[in-house]
C-alpha atoms as a PDB file:
ATOM      1  CA  MET A   1     -59.887  -7.490  41.775  1.00  0.00           C
ATOM      2  CA  ARG A   2     -58.940  -6.325  38.479  1.00  0.00           C
ATOM      3  CA  SER A   3     -61.159  -6.748  35.613  1.00  0.00           C
ATOM      4  CA  SER A   4     -60.657  -9.816  33.411  1.00  0.00           C
ATOM      5  CA  VAL A   5     -59.651  -9.437  29.658  1.00  0.00           C
ATOM      6  CA  LEU A   6     -61.100 -11.690  27.092  1.00  0.00           C
ATOM      7  CA  PHE A   7     -58.749 -12.638  24.392  1.00  0.00           C
ATOM      8  CA  THR A   8     -59.976 -14.540  21.198  1.00  0.00           C
ATOM      9  CA  ALA A   9     -57.559 -16.112  18.769  1.00  0.00           C
ATOM     10  CA  ALA A  10     -58.926 -17.176  15.577  1.00  0.00           C
ATOM     11  CA  PHE A  11     -56.764 -19.564  13.460  1.00  0.00           C
ATOM     12  CA  ALA A  12     -57.242 -20.724   9.879  1.00  0.00           C
ATOM     13  CA  ALA A  13     -55.891 -24.020   8.542  1.00  0.00           C
ATOM     14  CA  VAL A  14     -55.915 -23.770   4.699  1.00  0.00           C
ATOM     15  CA  ALA A  15     -55.260 -26.622   2.373  1.00  0.00           C
ATOM     16  CA  LEU A  16     -54.718 -25.949  -1.497  1.00  0.00           C
ATOM     17  CA  ALA A  17     -56.351 -28.291  -4.013  1.00  0.00           C
ATOM     18  CA  THR A  18     -53.973 -29.495  -6.711  1.00  0.00           C
ATOM     19  CA  PRO A  19     -54.662 -32.359  -9.315  1.00  0.00           C
ATOM     20  CA  VAL A  20     -53.360 -35.787  -8.467  1.00  0.00           C
ATOM     21  CA  PHE A  21     -52.998 -38.571 -11.288  1.00  0.00           C
ATOM     22  CA  ASP A  22     -53.803 -42.160 -10.285  1.00  0.00           C
ATOM     23  CA  LYS A  23     -52.199 -45.327 -11.920  1.00  0.00           C
ATOM     24  CA  ARG A  24     -54.803 -45.396 -14.660  1.00  0.00           C
ATOM     25  CA  GLY A  25     -54.034 -42.032 -15.805  1.00  0.00           C
ATOM     26  CA  GLU A  26     -56.970 -40.486 -14.518  1.00  0.00           C
ATOM     27  CA  VAL A  27     -57.161 -37.186 -12.737  1.00  0.00           C
ATOM     28  CA  VAL A  28     -58.168 -37.324  -9.130  1.00  0.00           C
ATOM     29  CA  VAL A  29     -59.427 -34.039  -7.770  1.00  0.00           C
ATOM     30  CA  THR A  30     -59.602 -33.608  -4.042  1.00  0.00           C
ATOM     31  CA  ASP A  31     -62.158 -31.072  -2.695  1.00  0.00           C
ATOM     32  CA  ALA A  32     -60.321 -29.045  -0.175  1.00  0.00           C
ATOM     33  CA  GLU A  33     -62.142 -27.707   2.980  1.00  0.00           C
ATOM     34  CA  VAL A  34     -60.994 -24.790   5.272  1.00  0.00           C
ATOM     35  CA  VAL A  35     -61.092 -25.541   8.852  1.00  0.00           C
ATOM     36  CA  PHE A  36     -61.190 -22.639  11.368  1.00  0.00           C
ATOM     37  CA  VAL A  37     -59.992 -23.176  14.878  1.00  0.00           C
ATOM     38  CA  THR A  38     -61.052 -20.802  17.646  1.00  0.00           C
ATOM     39  CA  GLN A  39     -59.438 -20.739  20.856  1.00  0.00           C
ATOM     40  CA  VAL A  40     -60.792 -18.466  23.629  1.00  0.00           C
ATOM     41  CA  VAL A  41     -58.450 -17.672  26.577  1.00  0.00           C
ATOM     42  CA  THR A  42     -59.651 -15.531  29.435  1.00  0.00           C
ATOM     43  CA  VAL A  43     -56.567 -13.971  31.382  1.00  0.00           C
ATOM     44  CA  THR A  44     -56.954 -12.290  34.779  1.00  0.00           C
ATOM     45  CA  GLU A  45     -54.196 -10.106  35.860  1.00  0.00           C
ATOM     46  CA  GLY A  46     -51.937 -11.741  38.380  1.00  0.00           C
ATOM     47  CA  GLN A  47     -52.805 -15.470  37.113  1.00  0.00           C
ATOM     48  CA  PRO A  48     -50.991 -17.636  34.791  1.00  0.00           C
ATOM     49  CA  ALA A  49     -52.589 -18.198  31.309  1.00  0.00           C
ATOM     50  CA  PRO A  50     -54.504 -21.463  31.116  1.00  0.00           C
ATOM     51  CA  SER A  51     -53.060 -23.923  28.754  1.00  0.00           C
ATOM     52  CA  ALA A  52     -56.451 -25.110  27.092  1.00  0.00           C
ATOM     53  CA  GLU A  53     -56.003 -27.160  24.001  1.00  0.00           C
ATOM     54  CA  PRO A  54     -57.729 -25.753  20.849  1.00  0.00           C
ATOM     55  CA  THR A  55     -60.856 -27.478  19.698  1.00  0.00           C
ATOM     56  CA  TYR A  56     -61.652 -28.455  16.321  1.00  0.00           C
ATOM     57  CA  SER A  57     -64.920 -28.693  14.382  1.00  0.00           C
ATOM     58  CA  LYS A  58     -65.449 -31.795  12.424  1.00  0.00           C
ATOM     59  CA  LYS A  59     -67.195 -31.578   8.914  1.00  0.00           C
ATOM     60  CA  ALA A  60     -68.101 -34.385   6.538  1.00  0.00           C
ATOM     61  CA  TYR A  61     -66.413 -34.125   3.266  1.00  0.00           C
ATOM     62  CA  GLY A  62     -68.279 -34.195   0.089  1.00  0.00           C
ATOM     63  CA  GLY A  63     -66.179 -37.075  -1.589  1.00  0.00           C
ATOM     64  CA  TRP A  64     -63.958 -37.038  -4.586  1.00  0.00           C
ATOM     65  CA  HIS A  65     -64.439 -37.734  -8.302  1.00  0.00           C
ATOM     66  CA  LYS A  66     -62.362 -38.603 -11.354  1.00  0.00           C
ATOM     67  CA  LYS A  67     -62.326 -37.438 -14.879  1.00  0.00           C
ATOM     68  CA  GLY A  68     -60.337 -38.633 -17.830  1.00  0.00           C
ATOM     69  CA  ARG A  69     -57.178 -37.025 -19.228  1.00  0.00           C
ATOM     70  CA  LYS A  70     -57.459 -34.855 -22.168  1.00  0.00           C
ATOM     71  CA  GLY A  71     -56.585 -36.397 -25.502  1.00  0.00           C
ATOM     72  CA  ARG A  72     -56.776 -40.049 -24.248  1.00  0.00           C
ATOM     73  CA  LYS A  73     -59.353 -42.187 -26.476  1.00  0.00           C
ATOM     74  CA  GLY A  74     -61.858 -44.805 -25.296  1.00  0.00           C
ATOM     75  CA  ARG A  75     -61.905 -43.754 -21.725  1.00  0.00           C
ATOM     76  CA  LYS A  76     -64.436 -41.535 -20.203  1.00  0.00           C
ATOM     77  CA  GLY A  77     -64.536 -40.350 -16.807  1.00  0.00           C
ATOM     78  CA  ARG A  78     -66.759 -42.265 -14.584  1.00  0.00           C
ATOM     79  CA  LYS A  79     -68.025 -41.334 -11.273  1.00  0.00           C
ATOM     80  CA  THR A  80     -67.080 -43.523  -8.380  1.00  0.00           C
ATOM     81  CA  GLY A  81     -68.486 -43.142  -4.869  1.00  0.00           C
ATOM     82  CA  GLY A  82     -69.048 -45.119  -1.763  1.00  0.00           C
ATOM     83  CA  TYR A  83     -66.216 -43.587   0.390  1.00  0.00           C
ATOM     84  CA  GLY A  84     -64.698 -40.351   1.294  1.00  0.00           C
ATOM     85  CA  SER A  85     -61.354 -38.969   1.517  1.00  0.00           C
ATOM     86  CA  ALA A  86     -59.664 -38.130   4.728  1.00  0.00           C
ATOM     87  CA  PRO A  87     -59.629 -34.331   5.620  1.00  0.00           C
ATOM     88  CA  ALA A  88     -56.671 -32.271   4.983  1.00  0.00           C
ATOM     89  CA  PRO A  89     -54.532 -32.330   8.132  1.00  0.00           C
ATOM     90  CA  VAL A  90     -54.659 -29.375  10.115  1.00  0.00           C
ATOM     91  CA  PRO A  91     -51.365 -27.585  10.669  1.00  0.00           C
ATOM     92  CA  THR A  92     -49.939 -27.674  14.156  1.00  0.00           C
ATOM     93  CA  GLU A  93     -49.311 -24.053  14.123  1.00  0.00           C
ATOM     94  CA  PRO A  94     -52.272 -22.269  12.577  1.00  0.00           C
ATOM     95  CA  ALA A  95     -51.967 -19.391  10.359  1.00  0.00           C
ATOM     96  CA  PRO A  96     -52.921 -15.903  11.563  1.00  0.00           C
ATOM     97  CA  VAL A  97     -56.364 -14.781  11.023  1.00  0.00           C
ATOM     98  CA  PRO A  98     -56.707 -12.239   8.101  1.00  0.00           C
ATOM     99  CA  SER A  99     -56.489  -8.593   9.201  1.00  0.00           C
ATOM    100  CA  SER A 100     -60.105  -8.040   8.031  1.00  0.00           C
ATOM    101  CA  ALA A 101     -61.575 -10.383  10.671  1.00  0.00           C
ATOM    102  CA  GLU A 102     -63.232  -8.565  13.396  1.00  0.00           C
ATOM    103  CA  ALA A 103     -62.515  -9.700  17.037  1.00  0.00           C
ATOM    104  CA  PRO A 104     -65.579 -10.566  19.075  1.00  0.00           C
ATOM    105  CA  ALA A 105     -66.884  -8.037  21.565  1.00  0.00           C
ATOM    106  CA  PRO A 106     -65.080  -8.197  24.901  1.00  0.00           C
ATOM    107  CA  ALA A 107     -66.805  -9.902  27.591  1.00  0.00           C
ATOM    108  CA  PRO A 108     -68.348  -7.589  30.233  1.00  0.00           C
ATOM    109  CA  SER A 109     -66.003  -6.914  33.113  1.00  0.00           C
ATOM    110  CA  THR A 110     -66.622  -6.443  36.760  1.00  0.00           C
ATOM    111  CA  TYR A 111     -64.843  -3.742  38.812  1.00  0.00           C
ATOM    112  CA  GLU A 112     -64.403  -3.297  42.456  1.00  0.00           C
ATOM    113  CA  PRO A 113     -62.856   0.010  43.525  1.00  0.00           C
ATOM    114  CA  ALA A 114     -59.577  -0.152  45.470  1.00  0.00           C
ATOM    115  CA  PRO A 115     -59.965   0.431  49.060  1.00  0.00           C
ATOM    116  CA  GLN A 116     -59.349   3.937  50.023  1.00  0.00           C
ATOM    117  CA  PRO A 117     -56.754   4.756  52.616  1.00  0.00           C
ATOM    118  CA  GLU A 118     -57.766   5.859  55.941  1.00  0.00           C
ATOM    119  CA  PRO A 119     -58.111   9.758  56.266  1.00  0.00           C
ATOM    120  CA  THR A 120     -55.175  11.296  58.056  1.00  0.00           C
ATOM    121  CA  THR A 121     -55.419  14.222  60.255  1.00  0.00           C
ATOM    122  CA  GLU A 122     -53.621  17.290  59.000  1.00  0.00           C
ATOM    123  CA  ALA A 123     -53.359  20.923  60.205  1.00  0.00           C
ATOM    124  CA  PRO A 124     -55.828  23.132  58.393  1.00  0.00           C
ATOM    125  CA  ALA A 125     -54.501  25.277  55.714  1.00  0.00           C
ATOM    126  CA  PRO A 126     -54.000  29.034  56.257  1.00  0.00           C
ATOM    127  CA  ALA A 127     -56.943  31.155  55.209  1.00  0.00           C
ATOM    128  CA  PRO A 128     -56.475  32.542  51.756  1.00  0.00           C
ATOM    129  CA  THR A 129     -56.302  36.326  51.238  1.00  0.00           C
ATOM    130  CA  SER A 130     -58.517  38.486  49.037  1.00  0.00           C
ATOM    131  CA  TYR A 131     -59.610  41.859  48.305  1.00  0.00           C
ATOM    132  CA  GLU A 132     -62.671  43.291  46.558  1.00  0.00           C
ATOM    133  CA  GLU A 133     -62.777  45.013  43.265  1.00  0.00           C
ATOM    134  CA  PRO A 134     -62.281  48.802  43.828  1.00  0.00           C
ATOM    135  CA  ALA A 135     -65.083  50.918  44.316  1.00  0.00           C
ATOM    136  CA  PRO A 136     -66.642  51.874  40.818  1.00  0.00           C
ATOM    137  CA  ALA A 137     -65.299  55.158  39.562  1.00  0.00           C
ATOM    138  CA  PRO A 138     -67.795  57.984  39.979  1.00  0.00           C
ATOM    139  CA  THR A 139     -69.125  59.480  36.839  1.00  0.00           C
ATOM    140  CA  SER A 140     -68.807  63.123  37.690  1.00  0.00           C
ATOM    141  CA  TYR A 141     -65.665  65.111  38.220  1.00  0.00           C
ATOM    142  CA  GLU A 142     -64.778  68.650  38.689  1.00  0.00           C
ATOM    143  CA  GLN A 143     -61.848  69.474  36.590  1.00  0.00           C
ATOM    144  CA  PRO A 144     -59.127  71.365  38.649  1.00  0.00           C
ATOM    145  CA  ALA A 145     -58.123  74.807  37.384  1.00  0.00           C
ATOM    146  CA  PRO A 146     -55.648  74.620  34.647  1.00  0.00           C
ATOM    147  CA  ALA A 147     -52.045  75.358  35.490  1.00  0.00           C
ATOM    148  CA  PRO A 148     -50.445  78.452  34.154  1.00  0.00           C
ATOM    149  CA  THR A 149     -48.951  77.928  30.653  1.00  0.00           C
ATOM    150  CA  SER A 150     -45.405  78.571  29.949  1.00  0.00           C
ATOM    151  CA  THR A 151     -43.306  78.335  26.915  1.00  0.00           C
ATOM    152  CA  GLN A 152     -41.167  75.715  28.498  1.00  0.00           C
ATOM    153  CA  ALA A 153     -42.539  72.678  30.065  1.00  0.00           C
ATOM    154  CA  ALA A 154     -41.264  72.213  33.805  1.00  0.00           C
ATOM    155  CA  PRO A 155     -39.398  69.114  34.550  1.00  0.00           C
ATOM    156  CA  PRO A 156     -41.025  66.379  36.538  1.00  0.00           C
ATOM    157  CA  PRO A 157     -40.198  66.635  40.396  1.00  0.00           C
ATOM    158  CA  ALA A 158     -37.309  64.709  41.483  1.00  0.00           C
ATOM    159  CA  TYR A 159     -38.023  61.399  43.077  1.00  0.00           C
ATOM    160  CA  THR A 160     -37.895  61.509  46.969  1.00  0.00           C
ATOM    161  CA  PRO A 161     -36.294  58.395  48.541  1.00  0.00           C
ATOM    162  CA  PRO A 162     -38.579  56.623  51.115  1.00  0.00           C
ATOM    163  CA  ALA A 163     -38.274  57.524  54.729  1.00  0.00           C
ATOM    164  CA  SER A 164     -35.610  55.587  56.578  1.00  0.00           C
ATOM    165  CA  GLY A 165     -37.617  55.356  59.740  1.00  0.00           C
ATOM    166  CA  LYS A 166     -39.322  52.106  60.644  1.00  0.00           C
ATOM    167  CA  ALA A 167     -42.922  52.020  61.031  1.00  0.00           C
ATOM    168  CA  THR A 168     -43.893  50.850  64.648  1.00  0.00           C
ATOM    169  CA  THR A 169     -47.773  51.798  64.514  1.00  0.00           C
ATOM    170  CA  TYR A 170     -50.631  50.947  62.278  1.00  0.00           C
ATOM    171  CA  GLN A 171     -51.047  54.584  61.313  1.00  0.00           C
ATOM    172  CA  GLN A 172     -47.443  55.105  60.330  1.00  0.00           C
ATOM    173  CA  ALA A 173     -47.414  51.918  58.367  1.00  0.00           C
ATOM    174  CA  VAL A 174     -50.531  53.003  56.314  1.00  0.00           C
ATOM    175  CA  VAL A 175     -49.239  56.433  55.513  1.00  0.00           C
ATOM    176  CA  GLN A 176     -45.649  55.579  54.907  1.00  0.00           C
ATOM    177  CA  HIS A 177     -46.623  52.637  52.474  1.00  0.00           C
ATOM    178  CA  HIS A 178     -48.914  54.988  50.690  1.00  0.00           C
ATOM    179  CA  ASN A 179     -46.415  57.717  50.285  1.00  0.00           C
ATOM    180  CA  TYR A 180     -43.582  55.406  48.968  1.00  0.00           C
ATOM    181  CA  HIS A 181     -45.860  54.674  45.923  1.00  0.00           C
ATOM    182  CA  ARG A 182     -47.304  58.198  45.503  1.00  0.00           C
ATOM    183  CA  ALA A 183     -43.716  59.503  45.177  1.00  0.00           C
ATOM    184  CA  ASN A 184     -43.250  56.998  42.306  1.00  0.00           C
ATOM    185  CA  HIS A 185     -46.041  58.709  40.427  1.00  0.00           C
ATOM    186  CA  SER A 186     -44.990  62.289  41.398  1.00  0.00           C
ATOM    187  CA  ALA A 187     -47.990  62.537  43.711  1.00  0.00           C
ATOM    188  CA  PRO A 188     -47.753  64.671  46.941  1.00  0.00           C
ATOM    189  CA  ASP A 189     -47.683  63.013  50.292  1.00  0.00           C
ATOM    190  CA  ILE A 190     -50.946  61.867  51.890  1.00  0.00           C
ATOM    191  CA  ALA A 191     -51.926  62.395  55.395  1.00  0.00           C
ATOM    192  CA  TRP A 192     -53.599  60.345  58.158  1.00  0.00           C
ATOM    193  CA  SER A 193     -57.616  61.365  58.951  1.00  0.00           C
ATOM    194  CA  ASP A 194     -59.005  59.962  62.324  1.00  0.00           C
ATOM    195  CA  THR A 195     -62.426  60.712  60.938  1.00  0.00           C
ATOM    196  CA  LEU A 196     -61.838  58.535  57.779  1.00  0.00           C
ATOM    197  CA  ALA A 197     -60.282  55.778  60.056  1.00  0.00           C
ATOM    198  CA  ALA A 198     -63.403  55.857  62.350  1.00  0.00           C
ATOM    199  CA  THR A 199     -65.828  55.323  59.483  1.00  0.00           C
ATOM    200  CA  ALA A 200     -63.523  52.432  58.151  1.00  0.00           C
ATOM    201  CA  LEU A 201     -63.744  50.813  61.473  1.00  0.00           C
ATOM    202  CA  LYS A 202     -67.602  51.036  61.610  1.00  0.00           C
ATOM    203  CA  ILE A 203     -67.848  49.364  58.047  1.00  0.00           C
ATOM    204  CA  ALA A 204     -65.223  46.584  58.978  1.00  0.00           C
ATOM    205  CA  LYS A 205     -67.208  45.744  62.171  1.00  0.00           C
ATOM    206  CA  THR A 206     -70.371  45.087  60.092  1.00  0.00           C
ATOM    207  CA  CYS A 207     -68.421  42.018  59.062  1.00  0.00           C
ATOM    208  CA  VAL A 208     -70.049  41.771  55.570  1.00  0.00           C
ATOM    209  CA  TYR A 209     -67.395  41.948  53.042  1.00  0.00           C
ATOM    210  CA  GLY A 210     -68.090  44.442  50.334  1.00  0.00           C
ATOM    211  CA  HIS A 211     -67.834  48.118  49.501  1.00  0.00           C
ATOM    212  CA  ASN A 212     -69.831  50.395  51.789  1.00  0.00           C
ATOM    213  CA  MET A 213     -69.677  54.067  50.942  1.00  0.00           C
ATOM    214  CA  ASP A 214     -72.760  55.424  52.645  1.00  0.00           C
ATOM    215  CA  MET A 215     -71.634  55.094  56.193  1.00  0.00           C
ATOM    216  CA  ASP A 216     -71.400  58.545  57.899  1.00  0.00           C
ATOM    217  CA  GLY A 217     -72.708  60.358  54.839  1.00  0.00           C
ATOM    218  CA  GLY A 218     -70.246  58.877  52.291  1.00  0.00           C
ATOM    219  CA  GLY A 219     -68.373  61.135  49.803  1.00  0.00           C
ATOM    220  CA  TYR A 220     -65.012  59.255  50.202  1.00  0.00           C
ATOM    221  CA  GLY A 221     -63.317  56.831  47.996  1.00  0.00           C
ATOM    222  CA  GLN A 222     -62.524  53.237  49.265  1.00  0.00           C
ATOM    223  CA  ASN A 223     -60.283  50.221  48.983  1.00  0.00           C
ATOM    224  CA  ILE A 224     -61.128  46.942  50.863  1.00  0.00           C
ATOM    225  CA  ALA A 225     -59.238  43.567  51.573  1.00  0.00           C
ATOM    226  CA  ALA A 226     -59.635  40.482  53.613  1.00  0.00           C
ATOM    227  CA  GLY A 227     -57.275  37.774  54.818  1.00  0.00           C
ATOM    228  CA  PHE A 228     -54.463  39.835  56.640  1.00  0.00           C
ATOM    229  CA  ASP A 229     -54.145  40.833  60.237  1.00  0.00           C
ATOM    230  CA  GLY A 230     -53.607  44.429  61.271  1.00  0.00           C
ATOM    231  CA  GLY A 231     -49.858  43.939  61.727  1.00  0.00           C
ATOM    232  CA  LYS A 232     -49.645  43.118  57.937  1.00  0.00           C
ATOM    233  CA  ILE A 233     -51.358  46.379  56.803  1.00  0.00           C
ATOM    234  CA  SER A 234     -48.283  47.363  54.877  1.00  0.00           C
ATOM    235  CA  ASN A 235     -48.501  43.974  52.816  1.00  0.00           C
ATOM    236  CA  VAL A 236     -52.072  44.959  51.909  1.00  0.00           C
ATOM    237  CA  ILE A 237     -51.159  48.389  50.805  1.00  0.00           C
ATOM    238  CA  SER A 238     -47.782  47.621  48.955  1.00  0.00           C
ATOM    239  CA  ASP A 239     -48.173  44.052  47.860  1.00  0.00           C
ATOM    240  CA  MET A 240     -51.834  43.753  47.035  1.00  0.00           C
ATOM    241  CA  PHE A 241     -53.070  47.210  46.135  1.00  0.00           C
ATOM    242  CA  TYR A 242     -49.975  48.476  44.405  1.00  0.00           C
ATOM    243  CA  ASN A 243     -47.524  45.916  43.291  1.00  0.00           C
ATOM    244  CA  GLY A 244     -50.177  43.481  42.336  1.00  0.00           C
ATOM    245  CA  GLU A 245     -51.828  45.911  39.989  1.00  0.00           C
ATOM    246  CA  ILE A 246     -49.208  48.423  38.527  1.00  0.00           C
ATOM    247  CA  GLU A 247     -48.543  45.987  35.565  1.00  0.00           C
ATOM    248  CA  ALA A 248     -52.172  45.841  34.806  1.00  0.00           C
ATOM    249  CA  TYR A 249     -52.463  49.481  34.335  1.00  0.00           C
ATOM    250  CA  GLY A 250     -50.269  49.218  31.096  1.00  0.00           C
ATOM    251  CA  GLY A 251     -48.480  52.399  31.330  1.00  0.00           C
ATOM    252  CA  VAL A 252     -51.163  54.380  29.682  1.00  0.00           C
ATOM    253  CA  TYR A 253     -50.254  57.698  31.398  1.00  0.00           C
ATOM    254  CA  GLY A 254     -51.323  61.008  30.175  1.00  0.00           C
ATOM    255  CA  VAL A 255     -54.509  59.553  28.832  1.00  0.00           C
ATOM    256  CA  ASN A 256     -57.752  58.171  30.145  1.00  0.00           C
ATOM    257  CA  PRO A 257     -57.527  54.384  29.961  1.00  0.00           C
ATOM    258  CA  SER A 258     -60.269  52.004  29.066  1.00  0.00           C
ATOM    259  CA  MET A 259     -62.346  51.155  32.053  1.00  0.00           C
ATOM    260  CA  SER A 260     -62.904  47.479  30.828  1.00  0.00           C
ATOM    261  CA  ASN A 261     -60.384  46.095  33.233  1.00  0.00           C
ATOM    262  CA  PHE A 262     -60.714  48.634  35.939  1.00  0.00           C
ATOM    263  CA  GLY A 263     -60.992  45.845  38.537  1.00  0.00           C
ATOM    264  CA  SER A 264     -57.408  44.938  37.813  1.00  0.00           C
ATOM    265  CA  TRP A 265     -55.761  48.310  38.781  1.00  0.00           C
ATOM    266  CA  GLY A 266     -58.399  50.498  40.477  1.00  0.00           C
ATOM    267  CA  HIS A 267     -56.889  49.960  43.859  1.00  0.00           C
ATOM    268  CA  MET A 268     -53.584  51.218  42.674  1.00  0.00           C
ATOM    269  CA  SER A 269     -54.878  54.248  40.990  1.00  0.00           C
ATOM    270  CA  ALA A 270     -56.815  55.256  44.147  1.00  0.00           C
ATOM    271  CA  MET A 271     -53.663  55.066  46.039  1.00  0.00           C
ATOM    272  CA  VAL A 272     -51.738  57.496  43.864  1.00  0.00           C
ATOM    273  CA  TRP A 273     -54.487  59.887  42.896  1.00  0.00           C
ATOM    274  CA  LYS A 274     -52.735  63.365  43.183  1.00  0.00           C
ATOM    275  CA  SER A 275     -55.799  65.137  44.464  1.00  0.00           C
ATOM    276  CA  THR A 276     -56.483  62.836  47.293  1.00  0.00           C
ATOM    277  CA  THR A 277     -54.933  64.289  50.512  1.00  0.00           C
ATOM    278  CA  HIS A 278     -55.961  62.061  53.381  1.00  0.00           C
ATOM    279  CA  VAL A 279     -56.502  58.424  54.182  1.00  0.00           C
ATOM    280  CA  GLY A 280     -57.933  56.524  57.166  1.00  0.00           C
ATOM    281  CA  CYS A 281     -57.882  52.651  57.485  1.00  0.00           C
ATOM    282  CA  ALA A 282     -59.121  50.012  60.030  1.00  0.00           C
ATOM    283  CA  THR A 283     -58.643  46.173  60.263  1.00  0.00           C
ATOM    284  CA  TYR A 284     -61.030  44.280  62.430  1.00  0.00           C
ATOM    285  CA  ASP A 285     -61.013  40.505  63.173  1.00  0.00           C
ATOM    286  CA  CYS A 286     -64.761  39.418  62.942  1.00  0.00           C
ATOM    287  CA  GLY A 287     -63.992  35.770  64.047  1.00  0.00           C
ATOM    288  CA  SER A 288     -67.235  33.658  64.059  1.00  0.00           C
ATOM    289  CA  ALA A 289     -69.338  36.831  63.204  1.00  0.00           C
ATOM    290  CA  ALA A 290     -68.017  36.963  59.795  1.00  0.00           C
ATOM    291  CA  GLN A 291     -70.759  36.709  57.079  1.00  0.00           C
ATOM    292  CA  GLY A 292     -70.809  35.565  53.720  1.00  0.00           C
ATOM    293  CA  SER A 293     -67.533  35.272  51.815  1.00  0.00           C
ATOM    294  CA  LEU A 294     -65.604  36.738  54.570  1.00  0.00           C
ATOM    295  CA  LYS A 295     -65.766  33.378  56.278  1.00  0.00           C
ATOM    296  CA  ASN A 296     -63.587  31.922  53.586  1.00  0.00           C
ATOM    297  CA  TYR A 297     -60.540  34.440  54.445  1.00  0.00           C
ATOM    298  CA  GLY A 298     -60.368  34.040  58.172  1.00  0.00           C
ATOM    299  CA  GLY A 299     -63.003  36.802  58.967  1.00  0.00           C
ATOM    300  CA  VAL A 300     -60.247  39.765  59.080  1.00  0.00           C
ATOM    301  CA  PHE A 301     -61.537  42.667  57.190  1.00  0.00           C
ATOM    302  CA  THR A 302     -59.660  45.748  56.136  1.00  0.00           C
ATOM    303  CA  VAL A 303     -61.098  49.025  55.070  1.00  0.00           C
ATOM    304  CA  CYS A 304     -59.192  52.112  53.737  1.00  0.00           C
ATOM    305  CA  ASN A 305     -61.219  55.365  53.039  1.00  0.00           C
ATOM    306  CA  TYR A 306     -59.697  58.235  50.798  1.00  0.00           C
ATOM    307  CA  ASN A 307     -60.677  62.052  50.706  1.00  0.00           C
ATOM    308  CA  PRO A 308     -61.106  63.536  48.314  1.00  0.00           C
ATOM    309  CA  ALA A 309     -62.321  60.524  46.385  1.00  0.00           C
ATOM    310  CA  GLY A 310     -60.091  59.287  43.490  1.00  0.00           C
ATOM    311  CA  ASN A 311     -60.901  57.184  40.323  1.00  0.00           C
ATOM    312  CA  MET A 312     -62.988  60.025  38.717  1.00  0.00           C
ATOM    313  CA  GLN A 313     -63.888  59.093  35.184  1.00  0.00           C
ATOM    314  CA  GLY A 314     -62.296  61.578  32.637  1.00  0.00           C
ATOM    315  CA  ALA A 315     -59.390  62.645  35.033  1.00  0.00           C
ATOM    316  CA  PHE A 316     -57.099  59.646  34.938  1.00  0.00           C
ATOM    317  CA  ASP A 317     -54.934  61.649  32.341  1.00  0.00           C
ATOM    318  CA  THR A 318     -53.925  64.215  34.981  1.00  0.00           C
ATOM    319  CA  GLU A 319     -54.419  62.495  38.290  1.00  0.00           C
ATOM    320  CA  VAL A 320     -52.431  59.312  37.695  1.00  0.00           C
ATOM    321  CA  GLY A 321     -48.765  60.535  37.071  1.00  0.00           C
ATOM    322  CA  ALA A 322     -46.464  58.538  34.965  1.00  0.00           C
ATOM    323  CA  CYS A 323     -44.404  55.898  36.912  1.00  0.00           C
ATOM    324  CA  GLN A 324     -40.779  56.892  37.673  1.00  0.00           C
ATOM    325  CA  ASN A 325     -39.705  53.110  37.716  1.00  0.00           C
ATOM    326  CA  GLN A 326     -38.124  53.404  41.001  1.00  0.00           C
ATOM    327  CA  PRO A 327     -37.044  50.206  42.959  1.00  0.00           C
ATOM    328  CA  THR A 328     -39.898  48.050  44.011  1.00  0.00           C
ATOM    329  CA  ILE A 329     -40.983  48.437  47.626  1.00  0.00           C
ATOM    330  CA  SER A 330     -42.611  45.440  49.248  1.00  0.00           C
ATOM    331  CA  GLY A 331     -44.913  45.179  52.256  1.00  0.00           C
ATOM    332  CA  SER A 332     -42.079  44.086  54.431  1.00  0.00           C
ATOM    333  CA  TYR A 333     -40.102  47.397  54.000  1.00  0.00           C
ATOM    334  CA  ASN A 334     -39.345  49.533  57.128  1.00  0.00           C
ATOM    335  CA  VAL A 335     -42.047  47.974  59.362  1.00  0.00           C
ATOM    336  CA  ASP A 336     -41.996  46.316  62.821  1.00  0.00           C
ATOM    337  CA  TYR A 337     -44.771  43.669  62.339  1.00  0.00           C
ATOM    338  CA  ALA A 338     -44.876  42.812  66.037  1.00  0.00           C
ATOM    339  CA  ALA A 339     -45.188  46.249  67.086  1.00  0.00           C
ATOM    340  CA  ILE A 340     -47.801  47.234  64.467  1.00  0.00           C
ATOM    341  CA  GLN A 341     -50.031  44.216  65.459  1.00  0.00           C
ATOM    342  CA  ALA A 342     -49.982  45.185  69.066  1.00  0.00           C
ATOM    343  CA  ASP A 343     -51.100  48.768  68.083  1.00  0.00           C
ATOM    344  CA  ALA A 344     -53.719  47.340  65.802  1.00  0.00           C
ATOM    345  CA  ASP A 345     -55.018  45.011  68.425  1.00  0.00           C
ATOM    346  CA  ALA A 346     -55.356  47.855  70.861  1.00  0.00           C
ATOM    347  CA  LYS A 347     -56.835  50.409  68.401  1.00  0.00           C
ATOM    348  CA  PHE A 348     -59.524  48.097  66.770  1.00  0.00           C
ATOM    349  CA  GLN A 349     -61.182  46.209  69.498  1.00  0.00           C
END
């Protein structure tokens, strides 16, 4: 039931007093009274408005009196009483209430919530994907030996087009999709490391989503992600780590950028770090063993370790080369998803 609304209409019947002469030349003054008529109508949505007649309040009138006309001799006004005059007629259509009149407070309303529809069964939404902020940049860095100086700067190396071979294994997808983007920053190709990959798998099997760079003695850099199966490792590397962060870096090449928004681009810079030579990744489906926030992303945990570690503070000016603005390469480029998934299932069980 919808709430009722109380409407109050206040009407005023106004009569103006004017002098009236009787037959003897005396002035008859009629006292005017103001009658207010209040009509209260309660309307409930969906029902017709009631046709209640307005009610009138009766008041006694104070009578009337006469006085002599000015300039007429020998006659003085005399009071006469004993009966009263009829009240001024109330107009059939009352005048509107003055704008300064305040409407009475509305009556309290009752509210009954509308019945809720029966829940329907729907297929569960796919698990969201996420990745942890990049590993914090180490504060120490050994500056590489300076390159020999020359009177003429060497031109940047030419961009090497991506390999045309389609990746059919997890290892191929990892290496190729790193090198596509490293070439776009004039960084040398990276190679696969079984040792780094074995450590990455140990970390992924802990099923605790977060950076862990102490396993097997540490000393490596690290990127992690969640929510993608092993067959989509190329999407993690190209779409999340690189394409999702390159704009946030802001094109500040040749200088050391502010670290205030490091979490927005640190995965990308680790990928293209020139001094890094090896990478090893692993993707593990924790299933019901997933802990903490990993449960929210389907329990699939990806870890990539890098050696030597990148993201060294004070070295971004030389280690992150300027972007060559080559065509964007997405995670679906040159990969066989089904073959890569089969390889990952066999490798990471």
